[in-house]
PDB file of N, CA and C in Angstrom:
ATOM      1  N   MET A   1      27.146  -4.582   4.269  1.00  0.00           N
ATOM      2  CA  MET A   1      25.808  -3.930   3.787  1.00  0.00           C
ATOM      3  C   MET A   1      24.699  -4.822   4.223  1.00  0.00           C
ATOM      4  N   ARG A   2      23.600  -4.213   4.625  1.00  0.00           N
ATOM      5  CA  ARG A   2      22.497  -4.982   5.206  1.00  0.00           C
ATOM      6  C   ARG A   2      21.581  -5.201   3.982  1.00  0.00           C
ATOM      7  N   ALA A   3      20.783  -6.314   3.887  1.00  0.00           N
ATOM      8  CA  ALA A   3      20.025  -6.659   2.795  1.00  0.00           C
ATOM      9  C   ALA A   3      18.842  -5.759   2.684  1.00  0.00           C
ATOM     10  N   VAL A   4      18.292  -5.227   3.794  1.00  0.00           N
ATOM     11  CA  VAL A   4      17.148  -4.367   3.726  1.00  0.00           C
ATOM     12  C   VAL A   4      17.568  -2.978   2.970  1.00  0.00           C
ATOM     13  N   ASP A   5      18.759  -2.658   2.949  1.00  0.00           N
ATOM     14  CA  ASP A   5      19.168  -1.298   2.385  1.00  0.00           C
ATOM     15  C   ASP A   5      18.619  -1.160   0.954  1.00  0.00           C
ATOM     16  N   ASN A   6      18.683  -2.234   0.161  1.00  0.00           N
ATOM     17  CA  ASN A   6      18.223  -2.172  -1.238  1.00  0.00           C
ATOM     18  C   ASN A   6      17.126  -3.094  -1.531  1.00  0.00           C
ATOM     19  N   LEU A   7      16.322  -3.592  -0.499  1.00  0.00           N
ATOM     20  CA  LEU A   7      15.226  -4.377  -0.840  1.00  0.00           C
ATOM     21  C   LEU A   7      14.197  -3.591  -1.463  1.00  0.00           C
ATOM     22  N   GLN A   8      13.559  -4.063  -2.631  1.00  0.00           N
ATOM     23  CA  GLN A   8      12.484  -3.530  -3.412  1.00  0.00           C
ATOM     24  C   GLN A   8      11.224  -4.392  -3.209  1.00  0.00           C
ATOM     25  N   ILE A   9      10.024  -3.847  -2.984  1.00  0.00           N
ATOM     26  CA  ILE A   9       8.805  -4.557  -2.885  1.00  0.00           C
ATOM     27  C   ILE A   9       7.854  -4.004  -3.918  1.00  0.00           C
ATOM     28  N   THR A  10       7.110  -4.934  -4.507  1.00  0.00           N
ATOM     29  CA  THR A  10       6.116  -4.616  -5.473  1.00  0.00           C
ATOM     30  C   THR A  10       4.979  -5.540  -5.326  1.00  0.00           C
ATOM     31  N   ILE A  11       3.663  -4.938  -5.062  1.00  0.00           N
ATOM     32  CA  ILE A  11       2.481  -5.773  -4.818  1.00  0.00           C
ATOM     33  C   ILE A  11       1.526  -5.162  -5.792  1.00  0.00           C
ATOM     34  N   LYS A  12       0.832  -6.152  -6.499  1.00  0.00           N
ATOM     35  CA  LYS A  12      -0.188  -5.758  -7.536  1.00  0.00           C
ATOM     36  C   LYS A  12      -1.501  -6.260  -7.144  1.00  0.00           C
ATOM     37  N   SER A  13      -2.610  -5.495  -7.653  1.00  0.00           N
ATOM     38  CA  SER A  13      -3.945  -5.960  -7.657  1.00  0.00           C
ATOM     39  C   SER A  13      -4.438  -6.605  -6.379  1.00  0.00           C
ATOM     40  N   ILE A  14      -4.598  -5.640  -5.446  1.00  0.00           N
ATOM     41  CA  ILE A  14      -5.149  -6.038  -4.069  1.00  0.00           C
ATOM     42  C   ILE A  14      -6.600  -5.656  -3.944  1.00  0.00           C
ATOM     43  N   ASN A  15      -7.451  -6.451  -3.549  1.00  0.00           N
ATOM     44  CA  ASN A  15      -8.944  -6.176  -3.324  1.00  0.00           C
ATOM     45  C   ASN A  15      -9.304  -6.763  -1.927  1.00  0.00           C
ATOM     46  N   ILE A  16      -9.619  -5.999  -0.976  1.00  0.00           N
ATOM     47  CA  ILE A  16     -10.045  -6.488   0.341  1.00  0.00           C
ATOM     48  C   ILE A  16     -11.458  -6.022   0.627  1.00  0.00           C
ATOM     49  N   ARG A  17     -12.293  -6.936   0.905  1.00  0.00           N
ATOM     50  CA  ARG A  17     -13.804  -6.491   1.025  1.00  0.00           C
ATOM     51  C   ARG A  17     -14.392  -7.240   2.265  1.00  0.00           C
ATOM     52  N   PHE A  18     -14.997  -6.547   3.106  1.00  0.00           N
ATOM     53  CA  PHE A  18     -15.811  -7.150   4.163  1.00  0.00           C
ATOM     54  C   PHE A  18     -17.388  -6.850   3.993  1.00  0.00           C
ATOM     55  N   GLU A  19     -18.166  -7.886   3.994  1.00  0.00           N
ATOM     56  CA  GLU A  19     -19.550  -7.585   3.841  1.00  0.00           C
ATOM     57  C   GLU A  19     -20.362  -8.308   5.003  1.00  0.00           C
ATOM     58  N   ASN A  20     -21.425  -7.556   5.370  1.00  0.00           N
ATOM     59  CA  ASN A  20     -22.190  -8.019   6.573  1.00  0.00           C
ATOM     60  C   ASN A  20     -23.609  -7.591   6.426  1.00  0.00           C
ATOM     61  N   GLN A  21     -24.481  -8.434   7.164  1.00  0.00           N
ATOM     62  CA  GLN A  21     -25.950  -8.071   7.163  1.00  0.00           C
ATOM     63  C   GLN A  21     -26.058  -7.439   8.482  1.00  0.00           C
ATOM     64  N   CYS A  22     -26.682  -6.248   8.512  1.00  0.00           N
ATOM     65  CA  CYS A  22     -26.848  -5.439   9.694  1.00  0.00           C
ATOM     66  C   CYS A  22     -28.361  -5.543  10.113  1.00  0.00           C
ATOM     67  N   GLU A  23     -28.497  -6.236  11.159  1.00  0.00           N
ATOM     68  CA  GLU A  23     -29.835  -6.632  11.700  1.00  0.00           C
ATOM     69  C   GLU A  23     -30.451  -5.264  12.327  1.00  0.00           C
ATOM     70  N   ILE A  24     -29.713  -4.490  12.978  1.00  0.00           N
ATOM     71  CA  ILE A  24     -30.250  -3.273  13.609  1.00  0.00           C
ATOM     72  C   ILE A  24     -30.963  -2.241  12.575  1.00  0.00           C
ATOM     73  N   ALA A  25     -30.097  -2.045  11.503  1.00  0.00           N
ATOM     74  CA  ALA A  25     -30.471  -1.039  10.476  1.00  0.00           C
ATOM     75  C   ALA A  25     -31.276  -1.765   9.282  1.00  0.00           C
ATOM     76  N   LYS A  26     -31.334  -3.088   9.346  1.00  0.00           N
ATOM     77  CA  LYS A  26     -32.200  -3.963   8.387  1.00  0.00           C
ATOM     78  C   LYS A  26     -31.655  -3.693   7.024  1.00  0.00           C
ATOM     79  N   GLY A  27     -30.253  -3.790   6.793  1.00  0.00           N
ATOM     80  CA  GLY A  27     -29.627  -3.652   5.490  1.00  0.00           C
ATOM     81  C   GLY A  27     -28.273  -4.330   5.383  1.00  0.00           C
ATOM     82  N   GLN A  28     -27.742  -4.132   4.355  1.00  0.00           N
ATOM     83  CA  GLN A  28     -26.437  -4.782   4.197  1.00  0.00           C
ATOM     84  C   GLN A  28     -25.388  -3.628   3.918  1.00  0.00           C
ATOM     85  N   PHE A  29     -24.053  -4.000   4.418  1.00  0.00           N
ATOM     86  CA  PHE A  29     -23.101  -2.956   4.086  1.00  0.00           C
ATOM     87  C   PHE A  29     -21.852  -3.699   3.655  1.00  0.00           C
ATOM     88  N   ALA A  30     -20.989  -2.994   2.973  1.00  0.00           N
ATOM     89  CA  ALA A  30     -19.596  -3.494   2.469  1.00  0.00           C
ATOM     90  C   ALA A  30     -18.645  -2.376   2.810  1.00  0.00           C
ATOM     91  N   LEU A  31     -17.551  -2.871   3.218  1.00  0.00           N
ATOM     92  CA  LEU A  31     -16.396  -2.012   3.445  1.00  0.00           C
ATOM     93  C   LEU A  31     -15.100  -2.590   2.724  1.00  0.00           C
ATOM     94  N   GLY A  32     -14.505  -1.743   1.932  1.00  0.00           N
ATOM     95  CA  GLY A  32     -13.394  -2.358   1.057  1.00  0.00           C
ATOM     96  C   GLY A  32     -12.408  -1.367   0.833  1.00  0.00           C
ATOM     97  N   LEU A  33     -11.204  -2.044   0.408  1.00  0.00           N
ATOM     98  CA  LEU A  33     -10.043  -1.313  -0.030  1.00  0.00           C
ATOM     99  C   LEU A  33      -9.540  -2.051  -1.330  1.00  0.00           C
ATOM    100  N   SER A  34      -9.189  -1.272  -2.310  1.00  0.00           N
ATOM    101  CA  SER A  34      -8.514  -1.831  -3.522  1.00  0.00           C
ATOM    102  C   SER A  34      -7.403  -1.003  -3.971  1.00  0.00           C
ATOM    103  N   LEU A  35      -6.326  -1.619  -4.350  1.00  0.00           N
ATOM    104  CA  LEU A  35      -5.051  -1.013  -4.764  1.00  0.00           C
ATOM    105  C   LEU A  35      -4.562  -1.750  -5.935  1.00  0.00           C
ATOM    106  N   GLN A  36      -4.226  -0.810  -7.055  1.00  0.00           N
ATOM    107  CA  GLN A  36      -3.676  -1.424  -8.233  1.00  0.00           C
ATOM    108  C   GLN A  36      -2.299  -1.833  -8.153  1.00  0.00           C
ATOM    109  N   GLN A  37      -1.397  -0.930  -7.378  1.00  0.00           N
ATOM    110  CA  GLN A  37      -0.065  -1.306  -7.286  1.00  0.00           C
ATOM    111  C   GLN A  37       0.579  -0.548  -6.023  1.00  0.00           C
ATOM    112  N   LEU A  38       1.461  -1.275  -5.474  1.00  0.00           N
ATOM    113  CA  LEU A  38       2.228  -0.605  -4.384  1.00  0.00           C
ATOM    114  C   LEU A  38       3.670  -0.918  -4.597  1.00  0.00           C
ATOM    115  N   ASP A  39       4.555   0.251  -4.523  1.00  0.00           N
ATOM    116  CA  ASP A  39       6.014  -0.134  -4.693  1.00  0.00           C
ATOM    117  C   ASP A  39       6.704   0.558  -3.627  1.00  0.00           C
ATOM    118  N   ILE A  40       7.739  -0.126  -3.129  1.00  0.00           N
ATOM    119  CA  ILE A  40       8.746   0.474  -2.200  1.00  0.00           C
ATOM    120  C   ILE A  40      10.103   0.202  -2.721  1.00  0.00           C
ATOM    121  N   VAL A  41      10.771   1.316  -2.885  1.00  0.00           N
ATOM    122  CA  VAL A  41      12.182   1.227  -3.525  1.00  0.00           C
ATOM    123  C   VAL A  41      13.193   2.143  -2.749  1.00  0.00           C
ATOM    124  N   THR A  42      14.542   1.880  -2.889  1.00  0.00           N
ATOM    125  CA  THR A  42      15.488   2.692  -2.289  1.00  0.00           C
ATOM    126  C   THR A  42      15.805   3.743  -3.250  1.00  0.00           C
ATOM    127  N   THR A  43      16.111   4.897  -2.580  1.00  0.00           N
ATOM    128  CA  THR A  43      16.428   6.063  -3.479  1.00  0.00           C
ATOM    129  C   THR A  43      17.719   6.814  -3.039  1.00  0.00           C
ATOM    130  N   ASP A  44      18.072   7.680  -3.936  1.00  0.00           N
ATOM    131  CA  ASP A  44      19.274   8.560  -3.575  1.00  0.00           C
ATOM    132  C   ASP A  44      18.773   9.854  -2.903  1.00  0.00           C
ATOM    133  N   GLU A  45      19.510  10.846  -2.709  1.00  0.00           N
ATOM    134  CA  GLU A  45      19.149  12.062  -2.089  1.00  0.00           C
ATOM    135  C   GLU A  45      18.212  12.989  -2.868  1.00  0.00           C
ATOM    136  N   ASN A  46      18.121  12.569  -4.309  1.00  0.00           N
ATOM    137  CA  ASN A  46      17.083  13.273  -4.991  1.00  0.00           C
ATOM    138  C   ASN A  46      15.796  12.491  -5.270  1.00  0.00           C
ATOM    139  N   TRP A  47      15.677  11.418  -4.433  1.00  0.00           N
ATOM    140  CA  TRP A  47      14.536  10.586  -4.548  1.00  0.00           C
ATOM    141  C   TRP A  47      14.346   9.803  -5.894  1.00  0.00           C
ATOM    142  N   ASN A  48      15.497   9.510  -6.525  1.00  0.00           N
ATOM    143  CA  ASN A  48      15.426   8.645  -7.742  1.00  0.00           C
ATOM    144  C   ASN A  48      15.871   7.238  -7.265  1.00  0.00           C
ATOM    145  N   ALA A  49      15.054   6.169  -7.776  1.00  0.00           N
ATOM    146  CA  ALA A  49      15.305   4.802  -7.537  1.00  0.00           C
ATOM    147  C   ALA A  49      16.765   4.477  -7.810  1.00  0.00           C
ATOM    148  N   LYS A  50      17.418   3.796  -6.907  1.00  0.00           N
ATOM    149  CA  LYS A  50      18.862   3.688  -7.202  1.00  0.00           C
ATOM    150  C   LYS A  50      19.414   2.625  -6.141  1.00  0.00           C
ATOM    151  N   PHE A  51      20.405   1.839  -6.554  1.00  0.00           N
ATOM    152  CA  PHE A  51      21.095   0.827  -5.693  1.00  0.00           C
ATOM    153  C   PHE A  51      21.968   1.761  -4.826  1.00  0.00           C
ATOM    154  N   ILE A  52      21.948   1.568  -3.487  1.00  0.00           N
ATOM    155  CA  ILE A  52      22.845   2.403  -2.586  1.00  0.00           C
ATOM    156  C   ILE A  52      23.666   1.577  -1.745  1.00  0.00           C
ATOM    157  N   ASP A  53      25.057   1.771  -1.720  1.00  0.00           N
ATOM    158  CA  ASP A  53      25.943   1.161  -0.942  1.00  0.00           C
ATOM    159  C   ASP A  53      26.304   1.861   0.411  1.00  0.00           C
ATOM    160  N   ARG A  54      25.804   1.505   1.482  1.00  0.00           N
ATOM    161  CA  ARG A  54      25.907   2.391   2.750  1.00  0.00           C
ATOM    162  C   ARG A  54      27.029   1.569   3.649  1.00  0.00           C
ATOM    163  N   THR A  55      27.949   0.739   3.092  1.00  0.00           N
ATOM    164  CA  THR A  55      28.754  -0.064   3.925  1.00  0.00           C
ATOM    165  C   THR A  55      29.694   0.815   4.800  1.00  0.00           C
ATOM    166  N   ASN A  56      30.373   1.753   4.212  1.00  0.00           N
ATOM    167  CA  ASN A  56      31.311   2.531   4.802  1.00  0.00           C
ATOM    168  C   ASN A  56      30.979   4.105   4.945  1.00  0.00           C
ATOM    169  N   SER A  57      29.751   4.345   5.084  1.00  0.00           N
ATOM    170  CA  SER A  57      29.418   5.675   5.082  1.00  0.00           C
ATOM    171  C   SER A  57      28.299   5.919   6.004  1.00  0.00           C
ATOM    172  N   ASP A  58      27.923   7.237   6.206  1.00  0.00           N
ATOM    173  CA  ASP A  58      26.832   7.530   7.187  1.00  0.00           C
ATOM    174  C   ASP A  58      25.618   8.023   6.368  1.00  0.00           C
ATOM    175  N   ILE A  59      25.431   7.527   5.029  1.00  0.00           N
ATOM    176  CA  ILE A  59      24.268   7.940   4.176  1.00  0.00           C
ATOM    177  C   ILE A  59      23.092   7.442   4.726  1.00  0.00           C
ATOM    178  N   PRO A  60      22.042   8.291   5.003  1.00  0.00           N
ATOM    179  CA  PRO A  60      20.746   7.764   5.581  1.00  0.00           C
ATOM    180  C   PRO A  60      20.120   6.865   4.471  1.00  0.00           C
ATOM    181  N   MET A  61      19.319   5.896   4.980  1.00  0.00           N
ATOM    182  CA  MET A  61      18.605   5.098   4.155  1.00  0.00           C
ATOM    183  C   MET A  61      17.253   5.785   3.650  1.00  0.00           C
ATOM    184  N   ARG A  62      16.931   5.914   2.502  1.00  0.00           N
ATOM    185  CA  ARG A  62      15.750   6.620   1.942  1.00  0.00           C
ATOM    186  C   ARG A  62      14.829   5.471   1.211  1.00  0.00           C
ATOM    187  N   LYS A  63      13.592   5.375   1.605  1.00  0.00           N
ATOM    188  CA  LYS A  63      12.756   4.489   0.919  1.00  0.00           C
ATOM    189  C   LYS A  63      11.499   5.311   0.392  1.00  0.00           C
ATOM    190  N   LEU A  64      11.139   5.070  -0.782  1.00  0.00           N
ATOM    191  CA  LEU A  64       9.932   5.753  -1.458  1.00  0.00           C
ATOM    192  C   LEU A  64       8.867   4.800  -1.528  1.00  0.00           C
ATOM    193  N   LEU A  65       7.755   5.180  -1.123  1.00  0.00           N
ATOM    194  CA  LEU A  65       6.483   4.267  -1.182  1.00  0.00           C
ATOM    195  C   LEU A  65       5.588   5.039  -2.231  1.00  0.00           C
ATOM    196  N   MET A  66       5.219   4.176  -3.178  1.00  0.00           N
ATOM    197  CA  MET A  66       4.251   4.640  -4.261  1.00  0.00           C
ATOM    198  C   MET A  66       3.154   3.897  -4.268  1.00  0.00           C
ATOM    199  N   LEU A  67       2.056   4.408  -4.310  1.00  0.00           N
ATOM    200  CA  LEU A  67       0.669   3.894  -4.272  1.00  0.00           C
ATOM    201  C   LEU A  67      -0.029   4.232  -5.628  1.00  0.00           C
ATOM    202  N   LYS A  68      -0.566   3.323  -6.394  1.00  0.00           N
ATOM    203  CA  LYS A  68      -1.253   3.650  -7.676  1.00  0.00           C
ATOM    204  C   LYS A  68      -2.773   3.156  -7.403  1.00  0.00           C
ATOM    205  N   ASN A  69      -3.673   4.031  -7.627  1.00  0.00           N
ATOM    206  CA  ASN A  69      -5.081   3.826  -7.601  1.00  0.00           C
ATOM    207  C   ASN A  69      -5.548   3.127  -6.354  1.00  0.00           C
ATOM    208  N   LEU A  70      -5.392   3.749  -5.280  1.00  0.00           N
ATOM    209  CA  LEU A  70      -5.823   3.292  -3.901  1.00  0.00           C
ATOM    210  C   LEU A  70      -7.297   3.811  -3.804  1.00  0.00           C
ATOM    211  N   ASP A  71      -8.139   2.878  -3.468  1.00  0.00           N
ATOM    212  CA  ASP A  71      -9.558   3.176  -3.274  1.00  0.00           C
ATOM    213  C   ASP A  71     -10.083   2.604  -2.075  1.00  0.00           C
ATOM    214  N   ILE A  72     -10.666   3.341  -1.179  1.00  0.00           N
ATOM    215  CA  ILE A  72     -11.403   2.877   0.121  1.00  0.00           C
ATOM    216  C   ILE A  72     -12.875   3.195  -0.166  1.00  0.00           C
ATOM    217  N   TYR A  73     -13.724   2.194   0.220  1.00  0.00           N
ATOM    218  CA  TYR A  73     -15.201   2.416  -0.100  1.00  0.00           C
ATOM    219  C   TYR A  73     -15.963   1.862   1.063  1.00  0.00           C
ATOM    220  N   TRP A  74     -17.211   2.454   1.162  1.00  0.00           N
ATOM    221  CA  TRP A  74     -18.299   1.963   2.107  1.00  0.00           C
ATOM    222  C   TRP A  74     -19.459   2.066   1.291  1.00  0.00           C
ATOM    223  N   ILE A  75     -20.229   0.903   1.260  1.00  0.00           N
ATOM    224  CA  ILE A  75     -21.505   0.766   0.601  1.00  0.00           C
ATOM    225  C   ILE A  75     -22.522   0.251   1.624  1.00  0.00           C
ATOM    226  N   TYR A  76     -23.578   0.961   1.655  1.00  0.00           N
ATOM    227  CA  TYR A  76     -24.768   0.512   2.505  1.00  0.00           C
ATOM    228  C   TYR A  76     -26.003   0.392   1.736  1.00  0.00           C
ATOM    229  N   ALA A  77     -26.756  -0.668   1.643  1.00  0.00           N
ATOM    230  CA  ALA A  77     -27.891  -0.864   0.890  1.00  0.00           C
ATOM    231  C   ALA A  77     -29.023  -1.337   1.937  1.00  0.00           C
ATOM    232  N   ASN A  78     -30.069  -0.604   1.838  1.00  0.00           N
ATOM    233  CA  ASN A  78     -31.369  -0.774   2.649  1.00  0.00           C
ATOM    234  C   ASN A  78     -32.492  -1.324   1.735  1.00  0.00           C
ATOM    235  N   PRO A  79     -32.799  -2.545   1.698  1.00  0.00           N
ATOM    236  CA  PRO A  79     -33.760  -3.014   0.931  1.00  0.00           C
ATOM    237  C   PRO A  79     -35.208  -2.334   1.267  1.00  0.00           C
ATOM    238  N   VAL A  80     -35.911  -2.116   0.182  1.00  0.00           N
ATOM    239  CA  VAL A  80     -37.277  -1.591   0.347  1.00  0.00           C
ATOM    240  C   VAL A  80     -38.303  -2.606   0.543  1.00  0.00           C
TER     241      VAL A  80
END
């Protein structure tokens, strides 16, 4: 059995933000991504999370990716 077959990954509370001063447009902008939770789990044929033993079979590996509250944003501010 390979270790990746039943590997589960959970990542919580991600916020990535890039800010920059734009000289051409004479303003500021921010680009960002936030994510409350990301889960990757192994599933059975009905997409239920389950430990799968594929040692002596041709069962395909199924992984389910779940994203909770994914936000992507762009903010532009032009000072007066």
